[in-house]
PDB file of N, CA and C in Angstrom:
ATOM      1  N   UNK A   1     -19.525 -14.013   7.198  1.00  0.00           N
ATOM      2  CA  UNK A   1     -19.173 -12.669   6.810  1.00  0.00           C
ATOM      3  C   UNK A   1     -17.859 -12.703   6.039  1.00  0.00           C
ATOM      4  N   UNK A   2     -17.784 -11.918   4.971  1.00  0.00           N
ATOM      5  CA  UNK A   2     -16.580 -11.861   4.154  1.00  0.00           C
ATOM      6  C   UNK A   2     -15.550 -10.915   4.738  1.00  0.00           C
ATOM      7  N   UNK A   3     -14.473 -10.816   4.045  1.00  0.00           N
ATOM      8  CA  UNK A   3     -13.378  -9.933   4.433  1.00  0.00           C
ATOM      9  C   UNK A   3     -13.681  -8.505   3.984  1.00  0.00           C
ATOM     10  N   UNK A   4     -13.368  -7.525   4.816  1.00  0.00           N
ATOM     11  CA  UNK A   4     -13.584  -6.115   4.472  1.00  0.00           C
ATOM     12  C   UNK A   4     -12.401  -5.645   3.627  1.00  0.00           C
ATOM     13  N   UNK A   5     -12.725  -5.086   2.453  1.00  0.00           N
ATOM     14  CA  UNK A   5     -11.697  -4.645   1.506  1.00  0.00           C
ATOM     15  C   UNK A   5     -11.956  -3.215   1.065  1.00  0.00           C
ATOM     16  N   UNK A   6     -10.898  -2.449   0.872  1.00  0.00           N
ATOM     17  CA  UNK A   6     -10.976  -1.087   0.329  1.00  0.00           C
ATOM     18  C   UNK A   6     -10.520  -1.157  -1.125  1.00  0.00           C
ATOM     19  N   UNK A   7     -11.414  -0.839  -2.044  1.00  0.00           N
ATOM     20  CA  UNK A   7     -11.134  -0.960  -3.466  1.00  0.00           C
ATOM     21  C   UNK A   7     -10.293   0.222  -3.927  1.00  0.00           C
ATOM     22  N   UNK A   8      -9.171  -0.069  -4.566  1.00  0.00           N
ATOM     23  CA  UNK A   8      -8.206   0.956  -4.975  1.00  0.00           C
ATOM     24  C   UNK A   8      -8.383   1.413  -6.416  1.00  0.00           C
ATOM     25  N   UNK A   9      -8.857   0.555  -7.274  1.00  0.00           N
ATOM     26  CA  UNK A   9      -8.950   0.899  -8.685  1.00  0.00           C
ATOM     27  C   UNK A   9      -9.840  -0.079  -9.422  1.00  0.00           C
ATOM     28  N   UNK A  10      -9.779  -0.006 -10.767  1.00  0.00           N
ATOM     29  CA  UNK A  10     -10.623  -0.843 -11.616  1.00  0.00           C
ATOM     30  C   UNK A  10      -9.748  -1.528 -12.662  1.00  0.00           C
ATOM     31  N   UNK A  11      -9.961  -2.816 -12.871  1.00  0.00           N
ATOM     32  CA  UNK A  11      -9.204  -3.564 -13.875  1.00  0.00           C
ATOM     33  C   UNK A  11      -9.808  -3.350 -15.254  1.00  0.00           C
ATOM     34  N   UNK A  12      -9.120  -3.800 -16.272  1.00  0.00           N
ATOM     35  CA  UNK A  12      -9.599  -3.651 -17.646  1.00  0.00           C
ATOM     36  C   UNK A  12     -10.888  -4.421 -17.905  1.00  0.00           C
ATOM     37  N   UNK A  13     -11.164  -5.443 -17.082  1.00  0.00           N
ATOM     38  CA  UNK A  13     -12.383  -6.241 -17.281  1.00  0.00           C
ATOM     39  C   UNK A  13     -13.507  -5.870 -16.312  1.00  0.00           C
ATOM     40  N   UNK A  14     -13.357  -4.743 -15.608  1.00  0.00           N
ATOM     41  CA  UNK A  14     -14.447  -4.232 -14.778  1.00  0.00           C
ATOM     42  C   UNK A  14     -14.487  -4.730 -13.351  1.00  0.00           C
ATOM     43  N   UNK A  15     -13.453  -5.381 -12.883  1.00  0.00           N
ATOM     44  CA  UNK A  15     -13.406  -5.811 -11.485  1.00  0.00           C
ATOM     45  C   UNK A  15     -12.614  -4.809 -10.662  1.00  0.00           C
ATOM     46  N   UNK A  16     -12.992  -4.676  -9.385  1.00  0.00           N
ATOM     47  CA  UNK A  16     -12.248  -3.815  -8.488  1.00  0.00           C
ATOM     48  C   UNK A  16     -10.893  -4.416  -8.169  1.00  0.00           C
ATOM     49  N   UNK A  17      -9.924  -3.553  -7.868  1.00  0.00           N
ATOM     50  CA  UNK A  17      -8.571  -3.997  -7.535  1.00  0.00           C
ATOM     51  C   UNK A  17      -8.275  -3.676  -6.076  1.00  0.00           C
ATOM     52  N   UNK A  18      -7.711  -4.648  -5.358  1.00  0.00           N
ATOM     53  CA  UNK A  18      -7.281  -4.466  -3.975  1.00  0.00           C
ATOM     54  C   UNK A  18      -5.882  -5.047  -3.800  1.00  0.00           C
ATOM     55  N   UNK A  19      -5.251  -4.682  -2.708  1.00  0.00           N
ATOM     56  CA  UNK A  19      -3.994  -5.317  -2.308  1.00  0.00           C
ATOM     57  C   UNK A  19      -4.209  -5.824  -0.887  1.00  0.00           C
ATOM     58  N   UNK A  20      -4.025  -7.125  -0.725  1.00  0.00           N
ATOM     59  CA  UNK A  20      -4.230  -7.768   0.569  1.00  0.00           C
ATOM     60  C   UNK A  20      -2.937  -8.498   0.928  1.00  0.00           C
ATOM     61  N   UNK A  21      -2.295  -8.068   2.004  1.00  0.00           N
ATOM     62  CA  UNK A  21      -1.044  -8.672   2.460  1.00  0.00           C
ATOM     63  C   UNK A  21      -0.002  -8.717   1.336  1.00  0.00           C
ATOM     64  N   UNK A  22       0.073  -7.631   0.549  1.00  0.00           N
ATOM     65  CA  UNK A  22       1.054  -7.535  -0.519  1.00  0.00           C
ATOM     66  C   UNK A  22       0.683  -8.257  -1.798  1.00  0.00           C
ATOM     67  N   UNK A  23      -0.486  -8.869  -1.850  1.00  0.00           N
ATOM     68  CA  UNK A  23      -0.924  -9.627  -3.014  1.00  0.00           C
ATOM     69  C   UNK A  23      -2.089  -8.908  -3.686  1.00  0.00           C
ATOM     70  N   UNK A  24      -2.118  -8.898  -5.009  1.00  0.00           N
ATOM     71  CA  UNK A  24      -3.192  -8.252  -5.754  1.00  0.00           C
ATOM     72  C   UNK A  24      -4.435  -9.135  -5.725  1.00  0.00           C
ATOM     73  N   UNK A  25      -5.595  -8.476  -5.602  1.00  0.00           N
ATOM     74  CA  UNK A  25      -6.866  -9.184  -5.662  1.00  0.00           C
ATOM     75  C   UNK A  25      -7.814  -8.475  -6.601  1.00  0.00           C
ATOM     76  N   UNK A  26      -8.681  -9.245  -7.253  1.00  0.00           N
ATOM     77  CA  UNK A  26      -9.699  -8.708  -8.142  1.00  0.00           C
ATOM     78  C   UNK A  26     -11.060  -9.021  -7.537  1.00  0.00           C
ATOM     79  N   UNK A  27     -11.926  -7.990  -7.458  1.00  0.00           N
ATOM     80  CA  UNK A  27     -13.203  -8.119  -6.761  1.00  0.00           C
ATOM     81  C   UNK A  27     -14.354  -7.884  -7.733  1.00  0.00           C
ATOM     82  N   UNK A  28     -15.082  -8.948  -8.033  1.00  0.00           N
ATOM     83  CA  UNK A  28     -16.243  -8.867  -8.922  1.00  0.00           C
ATOM     84  C   UNK A  28     -17.359  -8.092  -8.234  1.00  0.00           C
ATOM     85  N   UNK A  29     -17.891  -7.078  -8.914  1.00  0.00           N
ATOM     86  CA  UNK A  29     -19.008  -6.307  -8.383  1.00  0.00           C
ATOM     87  C   UNK A  29     -18.627  -5.089  -7.568  1.00  0.00           C
ATOM     88  N   UNK A  30     -17.339  -4.736  -7.539  1.00  0.00           N
ATOM     89  CA  UNK A  30     -16.886  -3.589  -6.747  1.00  0.00           C
ATOM     90  C   UNK A  30     -16.437  -2.447  -7.654  1.00  0.00           C
ATOM     91  N   UNK A  31     -16.592  -1.224  -7.145  1.00  0.00           N
ATOM     92  CA  UNK A  31     -16.164  -0.022  -7.852  1.00  0.00           C
ATOM     93  C   UNK A  31     -15.033   0.660  -7.070  1.00  0.00           C
ATOM     94  N   UNK A  32     -14.207   1.464  -7.757  1.00  0.00           N
ATOM     95  CA  UNK A  32     -13.143   2.189  -7.051  1.00  0.00           C
ATOM     96  C   UNK A  32     -13.701   3.061  -5.926  1.00  0.00           C
ATOM     97  N   UNK A  33     -12.931   3.198  -4.876  1.00  0.00           N
ATOM     98  CA  UNK A  33     -13.251   4.018  -3.703  1.00  0.00           C
ATOM     99  C   UNK A  33     -14.384   3.451  -2.858  1.00  0.00           C
ATOM    100  N   UNK A  34     -14.704   2.178  -3.007  1.00  0.00           N
ATOM    101  CA  UNK A  34     -15.713   1.551  -2.153  1.00  0.00           C
ATOM    102  C   UNK A  34     -15.040   0.746  -1.053  1.00  0.00           C
ATOM    103  N   UNK A  35     -15.783   0.540   0.014  1.00  0.00           N
ATOM    104  CA  UNK A  35     -15.408  -0.414   1.047  1.00  0.00           C
ATOM    105  C   UNK A  35     -16.465  -1.510   0.997  1.00  0.00           C
ATOM    106  N   UNK A  36     -16.018  -2.750   0.804  1.00  0.00           N
ATOM    107  CA  UNK A  36     -16.948  -3.857   0.621  1.00  0.00           C
ATOM    108  C   UNK A  36     -16.589  -5.028   1.525  1.00  0.00           C
ATOM    109  N   UNK A  37     -17.567  -5.877   1.770  1.00  0.00           N
ATOM    110  CA  UNK A  37     -17.330  -7.196   2.343  1.00  0.00           C
ATOM    111  C   UNK A  37     -17.341  -8.149   1.171  1.00  0.00           C
ATOM    112  N   UNK A  38     -16.285  -8.938   1.014  1.00  0.00           N
ATOM    113  CA  UNK A  38     -16.168  -9.813  -0.148  1.00  0.00           C
ATOM    114  C   UNK A  38     -15.755 -11.215   0.272  1.00  0.00           C
ATOM    115  N   UNK A  39     -16.259 -12.173  -0.471  1.00  0.00           N
ATOM    116  CA  UNK A  39     -15.954 -13.587  -0.251  1.00  0.00           C
ATOM    117  C   UNK A  39     -14.807 -14.000  -1.175  1.00  0.00           C
ATOM    118  N   UNK A  40     -13.817 -14.669  -0.629  1.00  0.00           N
ATOM    119  CA  UNK A  40     -12.719 -15.195  -1.437  1.00  0.00           C
ATOM    120  C   UNK A  40     -13.243 -16.351  -2.274  1.00  0.00           C
ATOM    121  N   UNK A  41     -13.069 -16.269  -3.587  1.00  0.00           N
ATOM    122  CA  UNK A  41     -13.523 -17.325  -4.500  1.00  0.00           C
ATOM    123  C   UNK A  41     -12.397 -18.268  -4.880  1.00  0.00           C
ATOM    124  N   UNK A  42     -11.251 -17.702  -5.287  1.00  0.00           N
ATOM    125  CA  UNK A  42     -10.125 -18.519  -5.738  1.00  0.00           C
ATOM    126  C   UNK A  42      -8.809 -17.879  -5.333  1.00  0.00           C
ATOM    127  N   UNK A  43      -7.870 -18.726  -4.970  1.00  0.00           N
ATOM    128  CA  UNK A  43      -6.504 -18.282  -4.682  1.00  0.00           C
ATOM    129  C   UNK A  43      -5.616 -18.765  -5.822  1.00  0.00           C
ATOM    130  N   UNK A  44      -4.788 -17.862  -6.296  1.00  0.00           N
ATOM    131  CA  UNK A  44      -3.787 -18.193  -7.305  1.00  0.00           C
ATOM    132  C   UNK A  44      -2.434 -17.797  -6.732  1.00  0.00           C
ATOM    133  N   UNK A  45      -1.386 -18.221  -7.379  1.00  0.00           N
ATOM    134  CA  UNK A  45      -0.048 -17.922  -6.874  1.00  0.00           C
ATOM    135  C   UNK A  45       0.206 -16.424  -6.797  1.00  0.00           C
ATOM    136  N   UNK A  46      -0.226 -15.674  -7.826  1.00  0.00           N
ATOM    137  CA  UNK A  46       0.077 -14.247  -7.890  1.00  0.00           C
ATOM    138  C   UNK A  46      -1.105 -13.337  -7.568  1.00  0.00           C
ATOM    139  N   UNK A  47      -2.318 -13.873  -7.538  1.00  0.00           N
ATOM    140  CA  UNK A  47      -3.491 -13.045  -7.288  1.00  0.00           C
ATOM    141  C   UNK A  47      -4.599 -13.861  -6.658  1.00  0.00           C
ATOM    142  N   UNK A  48      -5.570 -13.153  -6.092  1.00  0.00           N
ATOM    143  CA  UNK A  48      -6.763 -13.788  -5.528  1.00  0.00           C
ATOM    144  C   UNK A  48      -7.988 -13.191  -6.198  1.00  0.00           C
ATOM    145  N   UNK A  49      -9.085 -13.943  -6.205  1.00  0.00           N
ATOM    146  CA  UNK A  49     -10.338 -13.473  -6.781  1.00  0.00           C
ATOM    147  C   UNK A  49     -11.419 -13.474  -5.707  1.00  0.00           C
ATOM    148  N   UNK A  50     -12.182 -12.373  -5.646  1.00  0.00           N
ATOM    149  CA  UNK A  50     -13.235 -12.188  -4.653  1.00  0.00           C
ATOM    150  C   UNK A  50     -14.546 -11.821  -5.347  1.00  0.00           C
ATOM    151  N   UNK A  51     -15.654 -11.939  -4.616  1.00  0.00           N
ATOM    152  CA  UNK A  51     -16.960 -11.476  -5.077  1.00  0.00           C
ATOM    153  C   UNK A  51     -17.596 -10.681  -3.947  1.00  0.00           C
ATOM    154  N   UNK A  52     -18.194  -9.538  -4.276  1.00  0.00           N
ATOM    155  CA  UNK A  52     -18.823  -8.671  -3.283  1.00  0.00           C
ATOM    156  C   UNK A  52     -20.022  -9.378  -2.654  1.00  0.00           C
ATOM    157  N   UNK A  53     -20.072  -9.343  -1.334  1.00  0.00           N
ATOM    158  CA  UNK A  53     -21.246  -9.820  -0.593  1.00  0.00           C
ATOM    159  C   UNK A  53     -22.110  -8.645  -0.151  1.00  0.00           C
ATOM    160  N   UNK A  54     -21.430  -7.542   0.228  1.00  0.00           N
ATOM    161  CA  UNK A  54     -22.145  -6.356   0.706  1.00  0.00           C
ATOM    162  C   UNK A  54     -21.265  -5.132   0.516  1.00  0.00           C
ATOM    163  N   UNK A  55     -21.863  -4.056   0.058  1.00  0.00           N
ATOM    164  CA  UNK A  55     -21.152  -2.781  -0.074  1.00  0.00           C
ATOM    165  C   UNK A  55     -21.360  -2.012   1.216  1.00  0.00           C
ATOM    166  N   UNK A  56     -20.278  -1.740   1.926  1.00  0.00           N
ATOM    167  CA  UNK A  56     -20.357  -1.004   3.196  1.00  0.00           C
ATOM    168  C   UNK A  56     -20.339   0.501   2.972  1.00  0.00           C
ATOM    169  N   UNK A  57     -19.445   0.970   2.093  1.00  0.00           N
ATOM    170  CA  UNK A  57     -19.351   2.391   1.741  1.00  0.00           C
ATOM    171  C   UNK A  57     -19.367   2.457   0.218  1.00  0.00           C
ATOM    172  N   UNK A  58     -20.492   2.900  -0.372  1.00  0.00           N
ATOM    173  CA  UNK A  58     -20.589   2.902  -1.832  1.00  0.00           C
ATOM    174  C   UNK A  58     -19.785   4.024  -2.480  1.00  0.00           C
ATOM    175  N   UNK A  59     -19.405   3.791  -3.712  1.00  0.00           N
ATOM    176  CA  UNK A  59     -18.751   4.805  -4.535  1.00  0.00           C
ATOM    177  C   UNK A  59     -19.785   5.839  -4.951  1.00  0.00           C
ATOM    178  N   UNK A  60     -19.378   7.098  -5.131  1.00  0.00           N
ATOM    179  CA  UNK A  60     -20.307   8.101  -5.658  1.00  0.00           C
ATOM    180  C   UNK A  60     -20.781   7.745  -7.067  1.00  0.00           C
ATOM    181  N   UNK A  61     -20.051   6.862  -7.758  1.00  0.00           N
ATOM    182  CA  UNK A  61     -20.415   6.450  -9.109  1.00  0.00           C
ATOM    183  C   UNK A  61     -21.425   5.303  -9.140  1.00  0.00           C
ATOM    184  N   UNK A  62     -21.710   4.695  -7.995  1.00  0.00           N
ATOM    185  CA  UNK A  62     -22.661   3.579  -7.962  1.00  0.00           C
ATOM    186  C   UNK A  62     -24.077   4.103  -8.113  1.00  0.00           C
ATOM    187  N   UNK A  63     -24.841   3.474  -8.994  1.00  0.00           N
ATOM    188  CA  UNK A  63     -26.245   3.851  -9.197  1.00  0.00           C
ATOM    189  C   UNK A  63     -27.125   2.611  -9.067  1.00  0.00           C
ATOM    190  N   UNK A  64     -28.392   2.830  -8.767  1.00  0.00           N
ATOM    191  CA  UNK A  64     -29.350   1.733  -8.700  1.00  0.00           C
ATOM    192  C   UNK A  64     -29.804   1.453 -10.127  1.00  0.00           C
ATOM    193  N   UNK A  65     -29.750   0.189 -10.564  1.00  0.00           N
ATOM    194  CA  UNK A  65     -30.173  -0.119 -11.928  1.00  0.00           C
ATOM    195  C   UNK A  65     -31.677   0.162 -12.103  1.00  0.00           C
ATOM    196  N   UNK A  66     -32.072   0.625 -13.309  1.00  0.00           N
ATOM    197  CA  UNK A  66     -33.476   0.971 -13.527  1.00  0.00           C
ATOM    198  C   UNK A  66     -34.420  -0.238 -13.495  1.00  0.00           C
ATOM    199  N   UNK A  67     -33.891  -1.431 -13.698  1.00  0.00           N
ATOM    200  CA  UNK A  67     -34.743  -2.629 -13.642  1.00  0.00           C
ATOM    201  C   UNK A  67     -33.954  -3.770 -13.018  1.00  0.00           C
ATOM    202  N   UNK A  68     -34.638  -4.782 -12.476  1.00  0.00           N
ATOM    203  CA  UNK A  68     -33.946  -5.887 -11.791  1.00  0.00           C
ATOM    204  C   UNK A  68     -33.126  -6.706 -12.691  1.00  0.00           C
TER     205      UNK A  68
END
């Protein structure tokens, strides 16, 4: 199970933004105002990178894609 994160905003490249223990993180596949379980992919000195494993509380802006 990944870490539970509350997404605060959106980066210029479409990743969700979080702050974890005072450090900025970017979450691939997350939207603002979501609560997600995310897997840590990479640690950097100033930021961390995550990928969504499961959306626990979806954003009102999340839609189901029309095709797979």
